[in-house]
Amino acid sequence: MWHNDYSAILKVFAGTGPVVLTQPFVAVCLCWLSLSCTSTPTPTKQKVPPNIIFIMADDLGYADIGPYGQTKIQTPHLDKMAREGMMFTQFYAGTAVCAPS
């Protein structure tokens, strides 16, 4: 036969019953579960390092290759790289121009 035990219910609501210890744990688990179900992982992009080509030649002047104005010597690959990439147009020497390279 079913009977109503109001004293057990009152203990739970008064904070002295055994259910009180499990209520915070259940609340934390429900919050964690609801947050973990709603969040979607974002795909991470791999960082691609830039392609940098530094051309160093002894006694190469500013206008000695095609991208910088040379018309006598054909440099089609350097011309293509300059069109598709970035060109630097201001150069400064940190030492005397006649320093060894």
PDB file of N, CA and C in Angstrom:
ATOM      1  N   MET A   1       0.843  -1.171   0.000  1.00  0.00           N
ATOM      2  CA  MET A   1       0.000   0.000   0.000  1.00  0.00           C
ATOM      3  C   MET A   1       0.888   1.235   0.000  1.00  0.00           C
ATOM      4  N   TRP A   2       0.500   2.163  -0.787  1.00  0.00           N
ATOM      5  CA  TRP A   2       1.243   3.412  -0.928  1.00  0.00           C
ATOM      6  C   TRP A   2       0.842   4.365   0.171  1.00  0.00           C
ATOM      7  N   HIS A   3       1.860   5.003   0.794  1.00  0.00           N
ATOM      8  CA  HIS A   3       1.521   6.001   1.807  1.00  0.00           C
ATOM      9  C   HIS A   3       2.383   7.226   1.575  1.00  0.00           C
ATOM     10  N   ASN A   4       1.921   8.335   1.989  1.00  0.00           N
ATOM     11  CA  ASN A   4       2.624   9.603   1.820  1.00  0.00           C
ATOM     12  C   ASN A   4       3.499   9.866   3.025  1.00  0.00           C
ATOM     13  N   ASP A   5       4.793  10.036   2.767  1.00  0.00           N
ATOM     14  CA  ASP A   5       5.723  10.353   3.846  1.00  0.00           C
ATOM     15  C   ASP A   5       6.151  11.806   3.663  1.00  0.00           C
ATOM     16  N   TYR A   6       5.402  12.702   4.241  1.00  0.00           N
ATOM     17  CA  TYR A   6       5.683  14.123   4.085  1.00  0.00           C
ATOM     18  C   TYR A   6       6.951  14.557   4.800  1.00  0.00           C
ATOM     19  N   SER A   7       7.359  13.823   5.807  1.00  0.00           N
ATOM     20  CA  SER A   7       8.575  14.219   6.526  1.00  0.00           C
ATOM     21  C   SER A   7       9.809  14.079   5.624  1.00  0.00           C
ATOM     22  N   ALA A   8       9.863  13.065   4.765  1.00  0.00           N
ATOM     23  CA  ALA A   8      11.003  12.902   3.853  1.00  0.00           C
ATOM     24  C   ALA A   8      11.023  14.023   2.815  1.00  0.00           C
ATOM     25  N   ILE A   9       9.844  14.399   2.330  1.00  0.00           N
ATOM     26  CA  ILE A   9       9.769  15.488   1.354  1.00  0.00           C
ATOM     27  C   ILE A   9      10.195  16.797   1.998  1.00  0.00           C
ATOM     28  N   LEU A  10       9.765  17.040   3.203  1.00  0.00           N
ATOM     29  CA  LEU A  10      10.143  18.269   3.903  1.00  0.00           C
ATOM     30  C   LEU A  10      11.643  18.309   4.168  1.00  0.00           C
ATOM     31  N   LYS A  11      12.261  17.165   4.477  1.00  0.00           N
ATOM     32  CA  LYS A  11      13.704  17.130   4.703  1.00  0.00           C
ATOM     33  C   LYS A  11      14.466  17.500   3.427  1.00  0.00           C
ATOM     34  N   VAL A  12      13.984  17.027   2.280  1.00  0.00           N
ATOM     35  CA  VAL A  12      14.652  17.338   1.018  1.00  0.00           C
ATOM     36  C   VAL A  12      14.568  18.829   0.734  1.00  0.00           C
ATOM     37  N   PHE A  13      13.393  19.415   0.895  1.00  0.00           N
ATOM     38  CA  PHE A  13      13.238  20.840   0.621  1.00  0.00           C
ATOM     39  C   PHE A  13      13.899  21.712   1.676  1.00  0.00           C
ATOM     40  N   ALA A  14      14.055  21.195   2.885  1.00  0.00           N
ATOM     41  CA  ALA A  14      14.710  21.964   3.940  1.00  0.00           C
ATOM     42  C   ALA A  14      16.221  21.894   3.819  1.00  0.00           C
ATOM     43  N   GLY A  15      16.736  20.998   3.005  1.00  0.00           N
ATOM     44  CA  GLY A  15      18.176  20.903   2.813  1.00  0.00           C
ATOM     45  C   GLY A  15      18.855  19.958   3.768  1.00  0.00           C
ATOM     46  N   THR A  16      18.110  19.112   4.433  1.00  0.00           N
ATOM     47  CA  THR A  16      18.719  18.182   5.376  1.00  0.00           C
ATOM     48  C   THR A  16      18.606  16.734   4.919  1.00  0.00           C
ATOM     49  N   GLY A  17      17.970  16.485   3.799  1.00  0.00           N
ATOM     50  CA  GLY A  17      17.788  15.116   3.315  1.00  0.00           C
ATOM     51  C   GLY A  17      18.987  14.644   2.503  1.00  0.00           C
ATOM     52  N   PRO A  18      19.027  13.358   2.163  1.00  0.00           N
ATOM     53  CA  PRO A  18      20.158  12.789   1.430  1.00  0.00           C
ATOM     54  C   PRO A  18      20.237  13.253  -0.030  1.00  0.00           C
ATOM     55  N   VAL A  19      19.162  13.754  -0.591  1.00  0.00           N
ATOM     56  CA  VAL A  19      19.154  14.167  -1.985  1.00  0.00           C
ATOM     57  C   VAL A  19      19.928  15.466  -2.177  1.00  0.00           C
ATOM     58  N   VAL A  20      20.094  16.236  -1.122  1.00  0.00           N
ATOM     59  CA  VAL A  20      20.747  17.543  -1.213  1.00  0.00           C
ATOM     60  C   VAL A  20      22.185  17.410  -1.703  1.00  0.00           C
ATOM     61  N   LEU A  21      22.892  16.363  -1.315  1.00  0.00           N
ATOM     62  CA  LEU A  21      24.278  16.193  -1.729  1.00  0.00           C
ATOM     63  C   LEU A  21      24.401  15.876  -3.218  1.00  0.00           C
ATOM     64  N   THR A  22      23.414  15.240  -3.794  1.00  0.00           N
ATOM     65  CA  THR A  22      23.498  14.877  -5.202  1.00  0.00           C
ATOM     66  C   THR A  22      22.932  15.946  -6.126  1.00  0.00           C
ATOM     67  N   GLN A  23      22.171  16.884  -5.615  1.00  0.00           N
ATOM     68  CA  GLN A  23      21.568  17.904  -6.472  1.00  0.00           C
ATOM     69  C   GLN A  23      22.609  18.778  -7.177  1.00  0.00           C
ATOM     70  N   PRO A  24      23.649  19.285  -6.509  1.00  0.00           N
ATOM     71  CA  PRO A  24      24.641  20.081  -7.243  1.00  0.00           C
ATOM     72  C   PRO A  24      25.376  19.259  -8.302  1.00  0.00           C
ATOM     73  N   PHE A  25      25.660  18.010  -7.987  1.00  0.00           N
ATOM     74  CA  PHE A  25      26.340  17.153  -8.954  1.00  0.00           C
ATOM     75  C   PHE A  25      25.473  16.938 -10.190  1.00  0.00           C
ATOM     76  N   VAL A  26      24.207  16.682  -9.977  1.00  0.00           N
ATOM     77  CA  VAL A  26      23.284  16.481 -11.094  1.00  0.00           C
ATOM     78  C   VAL A  26      23.147  17.771 -11.899  1.00  0.00           C
ATOM     79  N   ALA A  27      23.085  18.912 -11.227  1.00  0.00           N
ATOM     80  CA  ALA A  27      22.963  20.192 -11.925  1.00  0.00           C
ATOM     81  C   ALA A  27      24.198  20.463 -12.778  1.00  0.00           C
ATOM     82  N   VAL A  28      25.372  20.187 -12.230  1.00  0.00           N
ATOM     83  CA  VAL A  28      26.609  20.390 -12.993  1.00  0.00           C
ATOM     84  C   VAL A  28      26.652  19.443 -14.191  1.00  0.00           C
ATOM     85  N   CYS A  29      26.267  18.198 -13.993  1.00  0.00           N
ATOM     86  CA  CYS A  29      26.259  17.236 -15.105  1.00  0.00           C
ATOM     87  C   CYS A  29      25.278  17.650 -16.196  1.00  0.00           C
ATOM     88  N   LEU A  30      24.104  18.135 -15.807  1.00  0.00           N
ATOM     89  CA  LEU A  30      23.128  18.569 -16.807  1.00  0.00           C
ATOM     90  C   LEU A  30      23.621  19.792 -17.572  1.00  0.00           C
ATOM     91  N   CYS A  31      24.250  20.734 -16.875  1.00  0.00           N
ATOM     92  CA  CYS A  31      24.805  21.910 -17.558  1.00  0.00           C
ATOM     93  C   CYS A  31      25.911  21.496 -18.524  1.00  0.00           C
ATOM     94  N   TRP A  32      26.796  20.630 -18.069  1.00  0.00           N
ATOM     95  CA  TRP A  32      27.885  20.175 -18.938  1.00  0.00           C
ATOM     96  C   TRP A  32      27.335  19.439 -20.159  1.00  0.00           C
ATOM     97  N   LEU A  33      26.341  18.598 -19.942  1.00  0.00           N
ATOM     98  CA  LEU A  33      25.748  17.846 -21.044  1.00  0.00           C
ATOM     99  C   LEU A  33      25.068  18.770 -22.046  1.00  0.00           C
ATOM    100  N   SER A  34      24.340  19.762 -21.548  1.00  0.00           N
ATOM    101  CA  SER A  34      23.654  20.669 -22.471  1.00  0.00           C
ATOM    102  C   SER A  34      24.648  21.522 -23.249  1.00  0.00           C
ATOM    103  N   LEU A  35      25.738  21.936 -22.624  1.00  0.00           N
ATOM    104  CA  LEU A  35      26.737  22.731 -23.334  1.00  0.00           C
ATOM    105  C   LEU A  35      27.536  21.893 -24.321  1.00  0.00           C
ATOM    106  N   SER A  36      27.823  20.664 -23.970  1.00  0.00           N
ATOM    107  CA  SER A  36      28.616  19.833 -24.876  1.00  0.00           C
ATOM    108  C   SER A  36      27.805  19.372 -26.079  1.00  0.00           C
ATOM    109  N   CYS A  37      26.510  19.290 -25.942  1.00  0.00           N
ATOM    110  CA  CYS A  37      25.677  18.875 -27.076  1.00  0.00           C
ATOM    111  C   CYS A  37      25.447  20.010 -28.064  1.00  0.00           C
ATOM    112  N   THR A  38      25.466  21.237 -27.598  1.00  0.00           N
ATOM    113  CA  THR A  38      25.159  22.355 -28.493  1.00  0.00           C
ATOM    114  C   THR A  38      26.379  22.899 -29.204  1.00  0.00           C
ATOM    115  N   SER A  39      27.551  22.701 -28.666  1.00  0.00           N
ATOM    116  CA  SER A  39      28.733  23.277 -29.305  1.00  0.00           C
ATOM    117  C   SER A  39      29.235  22.346 -30.398  1.00  0.00           C
ATOM    118  N   THR A  40      29.651  22.951 -31.507  1.00  0.00           N
ATOM    119  CA  THR A  40      30.220  22.174 -32.599  1.00  0.00           C
ATOM    120  C   THR A  40      31.687  22.539 -32.729  1.00  0.00           C
ATOM    121  N   PRO A  41      32.532  21.575 -32.942  1.00  0.00           N
ATOM    122  CA  PRO A  41      33.958  21.892 -33.072  1.00  0.00           C
ATOM    123  C   PRO A  41      34.216  22.663 -34.359  1.00  0.00           C
ATOM    124  N   THR A  42      35.058  23.676 -34.254  1.00  0.00           N
ATOM    125  CA  THR A  42      35.405  24.459 -35.436  1.00  0.00           C
ATOM    126  C   THR A  42      36.632  23.840 -36.085  1.00  0.00           C
ATOM    127  N   PRO A  43      36.612  23.723 -37.393  1.00  0.00           N
ATOM    128  CA  PRO A  43      37.783  23.146 -38.059  1.00  0.00           C
ATOM    129  C   PRO A  43      38.975  24.088 -37.949  1.00  0.00           C
ATOM    130  N   THR A  44      40.107  23.524 -37.659  1.00  0.00           N
ATOM    131  CA  THR A  44      41.307  24.344 -37.525  1.00  0.00           C
ATOM    132  C   THR A  44      42.013  24.412 -38.865  1.00  0.00           C
ATOM    133  N   LYS A  45      42.392  25.611 -39.238  1.00  0.00           N
ATOM    134  CA  LYS A  45      43.128  25.794 -40.480  1.00  0.00           C
ATOM    135  C   LYS A  45      44.613  25.639 -40.199  1.00  0.00           C
ATOM    136  N   GLN A  46      45.257  24.927 -41.067  1.00  0.00           N
ATOM    137  CA  GLN A  46      46.697  24.794 -40.924  1.00  0.00           C
ATOM    138  C   GLN A  46      47.347  26.065 -41.434  1.00  0.00           C
ATOM    139  N   LYS A  47      48.284  26.568 -40.675  1.00  0.00           N
ATOM    140  CA  LYS A  47      48.984  27.771 -41.091  1.00  0.00           C
ATOM    141  C   LYS A  47      49.988  27.415 -42.183  1.00  0.00           C
ATOM    142  N   VAL A  48      49.836  28.084 -43.289  1.00  0.00           N
ATOM    143  CA  VAL A  48      50.734  27.856 -44.415  1.00  0.00           C
ATOM    144  C   VAL A  48      51.794  28.946 -44.389  1.00  0.00           C
ATOM    145  N   PRO A  49      53.063  28.578 -44.281  1.00  0.00           N
ATOM    146  CA  PRO A  49      54.105  29.605 -44.254  1.00  0.00           C
ATOM    147  C   PRO A  49      54.206  30.291 -45.611  1.00  0.00           C
ATOM    148  N   PRO A  50      54.562  31.559 -45.621  1.00  0.00           N
ATOM    149  CA  PRO A  50      54.671  32.267 -46.900  1.00  0.00           C
ATOM    150  C   PRO A  50      55.866  31.767 -47.705  1.00  0.00           C
ATOM    151  N   ASN A  51      55.723  31.838 -49.003  1.00  0.00           N
ATOM    152  CA  ASN A  51      56.823  31.484 -49.898  1.00  0.00           C
ATOM    153  C   ASN A  51      57.632  32.740 -50.151  1.00  0.00           C
ATOM    154  N   ILE A  52      58.849  32.773 -49.679  1.00  0.00           N
ATOM    155  CA  ILE A  52      59.715  33.938 -49.840  1.00  0.00           C
ATOM    156  C   ILE A  52      60.932  33.516 -50.650  1.00  0.00           C
ATOM    157  N   ILE A  53      61.174  34.235 -51.718  1.00  0.00           N
ATOM    158  CA  ILE A  53      62.362  33.991 -52.541  1.00  0.00           C
ATOM    159  C   ILE A  53      63.214  35.244 -52.474  1.00  0.00           C
ATOM    160  N   PHE A  54      64.414  35.095 -52.005  1.00  0.00           N
ATOM    161  CA  PHE A  54      65.351  36.213 -51.908  1.00  0.00           C
ATOM    162  C   PHE A  54      66.464  35.954 -52.911  1.00  0.00           C
ATOM    163  N   ILE A  55      66.570  36.822 -53.888  1.00  0.00           N
ATOM    164  CA  ILE A  55      67.593  36.668 -54.925  1.00  0.00           C
ATOM    165  C   ILE A  55      68.758  37.568 -54.573  1.00  0.00           C
ATOM    166  N   MET A  56      69.922  36.961 -54.411  1.00  0.00           N
ATOM    167  CA  MET A  56      71.119  37.733 -54.098  1.00  0.00           C
ATOM    168  C   MET A  56      72.176  37.407 -55.149  1.00  0.00           C
ATOM    169  N   ALA A  57      72.650  38.426 -55.795  1.00  0.00           N
ATOM    170  CA  ALA A  57      73.685  38.239 -56.817  1.00  0.00           C
ATOM    171  C   ALA A  57      74.699  39.357 -56.666  1.00  0.00           C
ATOM    172  N   ASP A  58      75.920  39.038 -56.950  1.00  0.00           N
ATOM    173  CA  ASP A  58      76.985  40.028 -56.849  1.00  0.00           C
ATOM    174  C   ASP A  58      76.855  41.026 -58.000  1.00  0.00           C
ATOM    175  N   ASP A  59      76.898  42.289 -57.678  1.00  0.00           N
ATOM    176  CA  ASP A  59      76.821  43.388 -58.652  1.00  0.00           C
ATOM    177  C   ASP A  59      75.516  43.407 -59.448  1.00  0.00           C
ATOM    178  N   LEU A  60      74.424  43.011 -58.852  1.00  0.00           N
ATOM    179  CA  LEU A  60      73.120  43.096 -59.503  1.00  0.00           C
ATOM    180  C   LEU A  60      72.520  44.455 -59.179  1.00  0.00           C
ATOM    181  N   GLY A  61      72.246  45.223 -60.182  1.00  0.00           N
ATOM    182  CA  GLY A  61      71.664  46.546 -59.982  1.00  0.00           C
ATOM    183  C   GLY A  61      70.150  46.493 -59.914  1.00  0.00           C
ATOM    184  N   TYR A  62      69.551  47.633 -59.604  1.00  0.00           N
ATOM    185  CA  TYR A  62      68.102  47.715 -59.428  1.00  0.00           C
ATOM    186  C   TYR A  62      67.364  47.325 -60.703  1.00  0.00           C
ATOM    187  N   ALA A  63      67.746  47.820 -61.836  1.00  0.00           N
ATOM    188  CA  ALA A  63      67.018  47.582 -63.090  1.00  0.00           C
ATOM    189  C   ALA A  63      67.694  46.524 -63.959  1.00  0.00           C
ATOM    190  N   ASP A  64      68.379  45.567 -63.354  1.00  0.00           N
ATOM    191  CA  ASP A  64      69.088  44.539 -64.127  1.00  0.00           C
ATOM    192  C   ASP A  64      68.242  43.304 -64.440  1.00  0.00           C
ATOM    193  N   ILE A  65      67.034  43.226 -63.925  1.00  0.00           N
ATOM    194  CA  ILE A  65      66.149  42.100 -64.254  1.00  0.00           C
ATOM    195  C   ILE A  65      64.825  42.653 -64.782  1.00  0.00           C
ATOM    196  N   GLY A  66      64.105  41.828 -65.507  1.00  0.00           N
ATOM    197  CA  GLY A  66      62.897  42.246 -66.203  1.00  0.00           C
ATOM    198  C   GLY A  66      61.836  42.952 -65.374  1.00  0.00           C
ATOM    199  N   PRO A  67      61.487  42.466 -64.188  1.00  0.00           N
ATOM    200  CA  PRO A  67      60.416  43.116 -63.430  1.00  0.00           C
ATOM    201  C   PRO A  67      60.713  44.577 -63.071  1.00  0.00           C
ATOM    202  N   TYR A  68      61.974  44.954 -63.046  1.00  0.00           N
ATOM    203  CA  TYR A  68      62.335  46.318 -62.670  1.00  0.00           C
ATOM    204  C   TYR A  68      62.749  47.164 -63.874  1.00  0.00           C
ATOM    205  N   GLY A  69      62.462  46.696 -65.099  1.00  0.00           N
ATOM    206  CA  GLY A  69      62.680  47.541 -66.254  1.00  0.00           C
ATOM    207  C   GLY A  69      63.696  47.069 -67.272  1.00  0.00           C
ATOM    208  N   GLN A  70      64.351  45.966 -67.073  1.00  0.00           N
ATOM    209  CA  GLN A  70      65.337  45.457 -68.043  1.00  0.00           C
ATOM    210  C   GLN A  70      64.617  44.968 -69.296  1.00  0.00           C
ATOM    211  N   THR A  71      65.035  45.433 -70.452  1.00  0.00           N
ATOM    212  CA  THR A  71      64.401  45.014 -71.707  1.00  0.00           C
ATOM    213  C   THR A  71      65.326  44.176 -72.579  1.00  0.00           C
ATOM    214  N   LYS A  72      66.619  44.230 -72.358  1.00  0.00           N
ATOM    215  CA  LYS A  72      67.563  43.506 -73.219  1.00  0.00           C
ATOM    216  C   LYS A  72      67.661  42.025 -72.859  1.00  0.00           C
ATOM    217  N   ILE A  73      67.634  41.709 -71.578  1.00  0.00           N
ATOM    218  CA  ILE A  73      67.768  40.321 -71.125  1.00  0.00           C
ATOM    219  C   ILE A  73      66.376  39.813 -70.734  1.00  0.00           C
ATOM    220  N   GLN A  74      65.967  38.690 -71.309  1.00  0.00           N
ATOM    221  CA  GLN A  74      64.654  38.109 -71.030  1.00  0.00           C
ATOM    222  C   GLN A  74      64.697  37.330 -69.706  1.00  0.00           C
ATOM    223  N   THR A  75      63.791  37.651 -68.797  1.00  0.00           N
ATOM    224  CA  THR A  75      63.665  36.921 -67.527  1.00  0.00           C
ATOM    225  C   THR A  75      62.189  36.561 -67.328  1.00  0.00           C
ATOM    226  N   PRO A  76      61.637  35.632 -68.117  1.00  0.00           N
ATOM    227  CA  PRO A  76      60.192  35.361 -68.061  1.00  0.00           C
ATOM    228  C   PRO A  76      59.726  34.783 -66.726  1.00  0.00           C
ATOM    229  N   HIS A  77      60.529  33.957 -66.091  1.00  0.00           N
ATOM    230  CA  HIS A  77      60.113  33.365 -64.814  1.00  0.00           C
ATOM    231  C   HIS A  77      60.104  34.411 -63.705  1.00  0.00           C
ATOM    232  N   LEU A  78      61.099  35.262 -63.684  1.00  0.00           N
ATOM    233  CA  LEU A  78      61.106  36.338 -62.693  1.00  0.00           C
ATOM    234  C   LEU A  78      59.975  37.326 -62.961  1.00  0.00           C
ATOM    235  N   ASP A  79      59.673  37.581 -64.231  1.00  0.00           N
ATOM    236  CA  ASP A  79      58.555  38.463 -64.574  1.00  0.00           C
ATOM    237  C   ASP A  79      57.232  37.889 -64.068  1.00  0.00           C
ATOM    238  N   LYS A  80      57.046  36.586 -64.236  1.00  0.00           N
ATOM    239  CA  LYS A  80      55.809  35.936 -63.779  1.00  0.00           C
ATOM    240  C   LYS A  80      55.702  35.974 -62.255  1.00  0.00           C
ATOM    241  N   MET A  81      56.801  35.678 -61.559  1.00  0.00           N
ATOM    242  CA  MET A  81      56.775  35.736 -60.092  1.00  0.00           C
ATOM    243  C   MET A  81      56.467  37.143 -59.606  1.00  0.00           C
ATOM    244  N   ALA A  82      56.997  38.149 -60.296  1.00  0.00           N
ATOM    245  CA  ALA A  82      56.739  39.533 -59.897  1.00  0.00           C
ATOM    246  C   ALA A  82      55.279  39.908 -60.136  1.00  0.00           C
ATOM    247  N   ARG A  83      54.691  39.434 -61.216  1.00  0.00           N
ATOM    248  CA  ARG A  83      53.278  39.730 -61.496  1.00  0.00           C
ATOM    249  C   ARG A  83      52.355  39.065 -60.482  1.00  0.00           C
ATOM    250  N   GLU A  84      52.665  37.849 -60.079  1.00  0.00           N
ATOM    251  CA  GLU A  84      51.791  37.089 -59.185  1.00  0.00           C
ATOM    252  C   GLU A  84      52.084  37.327 -57.709  1.00  0.00           C
ATOM    253  N   GLY A  85      53.205  37.948 -57.413  1.00  0.00           N
ATOM    254  CA  GLY A  85      53.582  38.115 -56.008  1.00  0.00           C
ATOM    255  C   GLY A  85      53.724  39.564 -55.604  1.00  0.00           C
ATOM    256  N   MET A  86      54.750  39.844 -54.849  1.00  0.00           N
ATOM    257  CA  MET A  86      54.993  41.173 -54.314  1.00  0.00           C
ATOM    258  C   MET A  86      56.375  41.632 -54.745  1.00  0.00           C
ATOM    259  N   MET A  87      56.447  42.891 -55.130  1.00  0.00           N
ATOM    260  CA  MET A  87      57.738  43.469 -55.526  1.00  0.00           C
ATOM    261  C   MET A  87      58.111  44.561 -54.535  1.00  0.00           C
ATOM    262  N   PHE A  88      59.371  44.611 -54.192  1.00  0.00           N
ATOM    263  CA  PHE A  88      59.877  45.669 -53.324  1.00  0.00           C
ATOM    264  C   PHE A  88      60.622  46.669 -54.195  1.00  0.00           C
ATOM    265  N   THR A  89      60.293  47.935 -54.040  1.00  0.00           N
ATOM    266  CA  THR A  89      60.847  48.947 -54.948  1.00  0.00           C
ATOM    267  C   THR A  89      61.780  49.931 -54.266  1.00  0.00           C
ATOM    268  N   GLN A  90      61.974  49.819 -52.977  1.00  0.00           N
ATOM    269  CA  GLN A  90      62.888  50.740 -52.293  1.00  0.00           C
ATOM    270  C   GLN A  90      63.899  49.915 -51.509  1.00  0.00           C
ATOM    271  N   PHE A  91      65.147  50.017 -51.910  1.00  0.00           N
ATOM    272  CA  PHE A  91      66.219  49.261 -51.273  1.00  0.00           C
ATOM    273  C   PHE A  91      67.210  50.238 -50.666  1.00  0.00           C
ATOM    274  N   TYR A  92      67.737  49.892 -49.522  1.00  0.00           N
ATOM    275  CA  TYR A  92      68.738  50.724 -48.863  1.00  0.00           C
ATOM    276  C   TYR A  92      69.887  49.830 -48.427  1.00  0.00           C
ATOM    277  N   ALA A  93      71.089  50.288 -48.624  1.00  0.00           N
ATOM    278  CA  ALA A  93      72.276  49.534 -48.228  1.00  0.00           C
ATOM    279  C   ALA A  93      72.648  49.911 -46.804  1.00  0.00           C
ATOM    280  N   GLY A  94      72.868  48.896 -45.986  1.00  0.00           N
ATOM    281  CA  GLY A  94      73.240  49.140 -44.597  1.00  0.00           C
ATOM    282  C   GLY A  94      74.720  49.422 -44.423  1.00  0.00           C
ATOM    283  N   THR A  95      75.495  49.111 -45.428  1.00  0.00           N
ATOM    284  CA  THR A  95      76.937  49.355 -45.388  1.00  0.00           C
ATOM    285  C   THR A  95      77.331  50.075 -46.671  1.00  0.00           C
ATOM    286  N   ALA A  96      78.596  50.283 -46.812  1.00  0.00           N
ATOM    287  CA  ALA A  96      79.073  50.911 -48.051  1.00  0.00           C
ATOM    288  C   ALA A  96      78.734  50.020 -49.235  1.00  0.00           C
ATOM    289  N   VAL A  97      78.463  50.602 -50.369  1.00  0.00           N
ATOM    290  CA  VAL A  97      78.046  49.846 -51.545  1.00  0.00           C
ATOM    291  C   VAL A  97      79.147  48.912 -52.028  1.00  0.00           C
ATOM    292  N   CYS A  98      80.388  49.206 -51.725  1.00  0.00           N
ATOM    293  CA  CYS A  98      81.482  48.373 -52.210  1.00  0.00           C
ATOM    294  C   CYS A  98      81.854  47.254 -51.234  1.00  0.00           C
ATOM    295  N   ALA A  99      81.003  46.961 -50.247  1.00  0.00           N
ATOM    296  CA  ALA A  99      81.291  45.898 -49.287  1.00  0.00           C
ATOM    297  C   ALA A  99      81.159  44.538 -49.963  1.00  0.00           C
ATOM    298  N   PRO A 100      81.918  43.541 -49.524  1.00  0.00           N
ATOM    299  CA  PRO A 100      81.801  42.207 -50.126  1.00  0.00           C
ATOM    300  C   PRO A 100      80.438  41.595 -49.811  1.00  0.00           C
ATOM    301  N   SER A 101      79.935  40.817 -50.737  1.00  0.00           N
ATOM    302  CA  SER A 101      78.610  40.223 -50.545  1.00  0.00           C
ATOM    303  C   SER A 101      78.696  38.824 -49.992  1.00  0.00           C
TER     304      SER A 101
END
